[in-house]
N, C-alpha and C. Protein backbone atom coordinates (compact mmCIF):
# COMPACT_ATOMS: atom_id res chain seq x y z
N MET A 1 261.86 97.89 236.60
CA MET A 1 262.36 96.76 237.34
C MET A 1 263.23 95.91 236.41
N ALA A 2 264.39 95.56 236.86
CA ALA A 2 265.32 94.81 236.02
C ALA A 2 265.10 93.30 236.12
N TYR A 3 264.30 92.86 237.04
CA TYR A 3 264.09 91.43 237.23
C TYR A 3 262.65 91.17 237.67
N LEU A 4 262.25 89.92 237.56
CA LEU A 4 260.95 89.52 238.10
C LEU A 4 261.21 88.79 239.41
N PRO A 5 260.62 89.21 240.50
CA PRO A 5 260.88 88.56 241.79
C PRO A 5 260.11 87.25 241.94
N GLN A 6 260.24 86.39 240.94
CA GLN A 6 259.53 85.12 240.95
C GLN A 6 259.98 84.23 242.10
N GLU A 7 261.26 84.30 242.45
CA GLU A 7 261.76 83.47 243.53
C GLU A 7 261.20 83.91 244.88
N ALA A 8 261.01 85.21 245.06
CA ALA A 8 260.50 85.73 246.32
C ALA A 8 258.99 85.54 246.47
N PHE A 9 258.27 85.57 245.34
CA PHE A 9 256.81 85.46 245.36
C PHE A 9 256.35 84.46 244.30
N PRO A 10 256.61 83.17 244.51
CA PRO A 10 256.20 82.18 243.51
C PRO A 10 254.68 82.01 243.48
N PRO A 11 254.16 81.39 242.42
CA PRO A 11 252.71 81.13 242.36
C PRO A 11 252.23 80.43 243.63
N GLY A 12 251.07 80.86 244.11
CA GLY A 12 250.50 80.29 245.33
C GLY A 12 250.78 81.13 246.57
N THR A 13 251.63 82.16 246.44
CA THR A 13 251.99 83.01 247.57
C THR A 13 250.93 84.09 247.79
N PRO A 14 250.37 84.20 249.00
CA PRO A 14 249.45 85.30 249.28
C PRO A 14 250.24 86.59 249.46
N VAL A 15 249.79 87.66 248.81
CA VAL A 15 250.53 88.93 248.84
C VAL A 15 249.59 90.13 248.96
N ARG A 16 250.18 91.25 249.39
CA ARG A 16 249.50 92.55 249.38
C ARG A 16 250.33 93.43 248.46
N VAL A 17 249.70 93.98 247.42
CA VAL A 17 250.39 94.82 246.46
C VAL A 17 249.89 96.25 246.63
N ARG A 18 250.84 97.17 246.85
CA ARG A 18 250.50 98.59 246.97
C ARG A 18 251.18 99.32 245.83
N GLN A 19 250.42 100.21 245.19
CA GLN A 19 250.96 101.02 244.11
C GLN A 19 250.67 102.48 244.40
N VAL A 20 251.70 103.32 244.19
CA VAL A 20 251.56 104.76 244.36
C VAL A 20 251.79 105.39 243.00
N THR A 21 250.82 106.20 242.57
CA THR A 21 250.89 106.90 241.30
C THR A 21 250.75 108.38 241.55
N GLU A 22 251.65 109.16 240.97
CA GLU A 22 251.55 110.62 241.10
C GLU A 22 250.56 111.13 240.06
N ARG A 23 249.63 111.94 240.51
CA ARG A 23 248.65 112.53 239.60
C ARG A 23 248.42 113.97 240.01
N ARG A 24 248.80 114.87 239.13
CA ARG A 24 248.69 116.31 239.41
C ARG A 24 249.34 116.67 240.73
N GLY A 25 250.51 116.07 240.97
CA GLY A 25 251.27 116.39 242.16
C GLY A 25 250.76 115.76 243.43
N LYS A 26 249.69 114.99 243.36
CA LYS A 26 249.13 114.35 244.54
C LYS A 26 249.18 112.83 244.37
N PRO A 27 249.81 112.12 245.29
CA PRO A 27 249.90 110.67 245.14
C PRO A 27 248.56 109.97 245.37
N ILE A 28 248.30 108.97 244.55
CA ILE A 28 247.12 108.13 244.70
C ILE A 28 247.63 106.73 245.01
N GLU A 29 247.15 106.14 246.10
CA GLU A 29 247.60 104.81 246.51
C GLU A 29 246.47 103.80 246.34
N THR A 30 246.81 102.66 245.75
CA THR A 30 245.85 101.57 245.62
C THR A 30 246.46 100.33 246.26
N GLU A 31 245.59 99.43 246.69
CA GLU A 31 246.05 98.20 247.34
C GLU A 31 245.20 97.03 246.85
N VAL A 32 245.87 95.93 246.55
CA VAL A 32 245.19 94.71 246.13
C VAL A 32 245.77 93.56 246.94
N VAL A 33 244.90 92.70 247.47
CA VAL A 33 245.33 91.52 248.20
C VAL A 33 244.87 90.30 247.42
N GLY A 34 245.76 89.33 247.25
CA GLY A 34 245.40 88.13 246.52
C GLY A 34 246.53 87.11 246.55
N VAL A 35 246.36 86.07 245.74
CA VAL A 35 247.33 84.99 245.64
C VAL A 35 247.98 85.05 244.26
N VAL A 36 249.31 84.99 244.24
CA VAL A 36 250.04 85.05 242.98
C VAL A 36 249.65 83.87 242.09
N GLN A 37 249.26 84.20 240.85
CA GLN A 37 248.96 83.17 239.86
C GLN A 37 250.15 83.00 238.92
N SER A 38 250.73 84.12 238.47
CA SER A 38 251.87 84.05 237.56
C SER A 38 252.56 85.40 237.46
N TRP A 39 253.79 85.36 236.97
CA TRP A 39 254.58 86.55 236.62
C TRP A 39 254.88 86.45 235.15
N GLU A 40 254.79 87.55 234.44
CA GLU A 40 255.12 87.56 233.01
C GLU A 40 255.75 88.89 232.64
N ARG A 41 256.63 88.86 231.69
CA ARG A 41 257.12 90.08 231.06
C ARG A 41 256.51 90.07 229.67
N GLN A 42 255.65 91.05 229.39
CA GLN A 42 254.93 91.08 228.13
C GLN A 42 255.17 92.40 227.41
N PRO A 43 255.18 92.34 226.07
CA PRO A 43 255.35 93.58 225.32
C PRO A 43 254.04 94.36 225.27
N THR A 44 254.17 95.66 225.14
CA THR A 44 252.99 96.49 224.90
C THR A 44 252.88 96.67 223.39
N GLY A 45 251.86 97.33 222.96
CA GLY A 45 251.73 97.63 221.54
C GLY A 45 252.56 98.84 221.13
N SER A 46 253.19 99.47 222.12
CA SER A 46 253.97 100.68 221.86
C SER A 46 255.34 100.37 221.29
N TRP A 47 255.75 101.16 220.32
CA TRP A 47 257.08 101.03 219.76
C TRP A 47 258.06 101.68 220.71
N TYR A 48 259.21 101.04 220.91
CA TYR A 48 260.24 101.57 221.81
C TYR A 48 261.59 101.23 221.21
N ALA A 49 262.34 102.23 220.79
CA ALA A 49 263.56 102.05 220.00
C ALA A 49 264.59 101.14 220.64
N HIS A 50 264.73 101.18 221.95
CA HIS A 50 265.81 100.41 222.59
C HIS A 50 265.30 99.17 223.30
N GLY A 51 264.07 98.78 223.06
CA GLY A 51 263.51 97.60 223.70
C GLY A 51 263.70 96.36 222.84
N LYS A 52 263.54 95.22 223.47
CA LYS A 52 263.60 93.95 222.75
C LYS A 52 262.53 93.97 221.66
N ASP A 53 262.91 93.62 220.44
CA ASP A 53 262.00 93.60 219.29
C ASP A 53 261.34 94.98 219.07
N ASP A 54 262.04 96.05 219.47
CA ASP A 54 261.54 97.43 219.32
C ASP A 54 260.19 97.65 220.02
N ARG A 55 259.98 96.96 221.12
CA ARG A 55 258.74 97.11 221.89
C ARG A 55 259.07 97.49 223.32
N LEU A 56 258.11 98.11 223.98
CA LEU A 56 258.21 98.40 225.41
C LEU A 56 257.67 97.18 226.15
N TRP A 57 258.47 96.62 227.04
CA TRP A 57 258.09 95.43 227.78
C TRP A 57 257.78 95.81 229.23
N LEU A 58 256.71 95.24 229.78
CA LEU A 58 256.30 95.52 231.16
C LEU A 58 256.21 94.23 231.96
N ASP A 59 256.58 94.32 233.24
CA ASP A 59 256.44 93.19 234.16
C ASP A 59 255.01 93.17 234.66
N ARG A 60 254.37 92.02 234.56
CA ARG A 60 252.96 91.92 234.96
C ARG A 60 252.76 90.78 235.94
N LEU A 61 252.01 91.07 236.98
CA LEU A 61 251.71 90.11 238.03
C LEU A 61 250.22 89.78 237.97
N LYS A 62 249.92 88.50 237.86
CA LYS A 62 248.52 88.06 237.82
C LYS A 62 248.16 87.53 239.20
N LEU A 63 247.09 88.11 239.80
CA LEU A 63 246.63 87.71 241.13
C LEU A 63 245.20 87.21 241.07
N ARG A 64 244.89 86.28 241.98
CA ARG A 64 243.50 85.88 242.19
C ARG A 64 243.10 86.43 243.55
N LYS A 65 242.11 87.33 243.53
CA LYS A 65 241.66 87.96 244.77
C LYS A 65 240.76 87.00 245.54
N VAL A 66 240.47 87.34 246.78
CA VAL A 66 239.68 86.50 247.67
C VAL A 66 238.32 86.16 247.07
N ASP A 67 237.71 87.10 246.35
CA ASP A 67 236.40 86.86 245.76
C ASP A 67 236.46 86.05 244.46
N GLY A 68 237.67 85.63 244.06
CA GLY A 68 237.83 84.81 242.86
C GLY A 68 238.18 85.59 241.61
N GLU A 69 238.06 86.92 241.67
CA GLU A 69 238.39 87.74 240.51
C GLU A 69 239.89 87.68 240.24
N GLU A 70 240.27 87.60 238.97
CA GLU A 70 241.67 87.66 238.59
C GLU A 70 241.98 89.08 238.14
N THR A 71 243.15 89.57 238.53
CA THR A 71 243.56 90.91 238.15
C THR A 71 245.01 90.89 237.68
N LEU A 72 245.33 91.73 236.73
CA LEU A 72 246.66 91.83 236.15
C LEU A 72 247.23 93.18 236.55
N ILE A 73 248.37 93.17 237.23
CA ILE A 73 248.97 94.38 237.75
C ILE A 73 250.30 94.63 237.04
N VAL A 74 250.49 95.84 236.55
CA VAL A 74 251.77 96.23 235.97
C VAL A 74 252.68 96.62 237.13
N VAL A 75 253.79 95.90 237.28
CA VAL A 75 254.73 96.15 238.37
C VAL A 75 255.77 97.15 237.90
N ASP A 76 255.88 98.28 238.63
CA ASP A 76 256.84 99.32 238.27
C ASP A 76 257.51 99.84 239.54
N ASP A 77 258.23 100.96 239.42
CA ASP A 77 258.95 101.50 240.56
C ASP A 77 258.04 101.97 241.69
N GLY A 78 256.78 102.23 241.41
CA GLY A 78 255.84 102.66 242.43
C GLY A 78 255.10 101.51 243.10
N THR A 79 255.55 100.28 242.85
CA THR A 79 254.88 99.08 243.36
C THR A 79 255.67 98.47 244.51
N SER A 80 254.98 98.14 245.59
CA SER A 80 255.62 97.36 246.66
C SER A 80 254.77 96.12 246.90
N ILE A 81 255.46 95.00 247.14
CA ILE A 81 254.78 93.72 247.33
C ILE A 81 255.21 93.14 248.66
N ALA A 82 254.24 92.72 249.48
CA ALA A 82 254.54 92.12 250.78
C ALA A 82 253.88 90.74 250.85
N ARG A 83 254.63 89.80 251.36
CA ARG A 83 254.12 88.43 251.55
C ARG A 83 253.18 88.44 252.76
N LEU A 84 252.05 87.75 252.63
CA LEU A 84 251.10 87.60 253.73
C LEU A 84 251.15 86.17 254.23
N GLU A 85 250.76 85.99 255.46
CA GLU A 85 250.66 84.64 256.01
C GLU A 85 249.43 83.96 255.43
N PRO A 86 249.55 82.70 255.01
CA PRO A 86 248.37 82.00 254.48
C PRO A 86 247.27 81.93 255.55
N ALA A 87 246.03 82.02 255.12
CA ALA A 87 244.91 81.92 256.04
C ALA A 87 244.87 80.52 256.62
N SER A 88 244.69 80.42 257.92
CA SER A 88 244.63 79.10 258.54
C SER A 88 243.25 78.50 258.28
N SER A 89 243.23 77.20 258.10
CA SER A 89 241.97 76.54 257.82
C SER A 89 241.16 76.37 259.10
N GLY A 90 241.77 76.59 260.26
CA GLY A 90 241.08 76.55 261.55
C GLY A 90 240.11 75.39 261.68
N GLY A 91 239.99 74.85 262.81
CA GLY A 91 239.09 73.72 262.87
C GLY A 91 238.61 73.36 264.18
């Protein structure tokens, strides 16, 4: 990903994140629903000759799930993010 879609999914936005990973020729799909906490581009510990500071940098999305758990997702080409409607407080 060449950019972080911070403008499309700012902190506080409820989202559904789907990731598809190929494994032994068979795709594995995972889904996480939560509220965006932050977006970050962080380096890995891996050396990468053409990366900034000779490091491999990954886009990471921090979500808070409904149960309160925080999760960090590496956003790549197999990731799709959809905005959800905020839950109504109903009354």
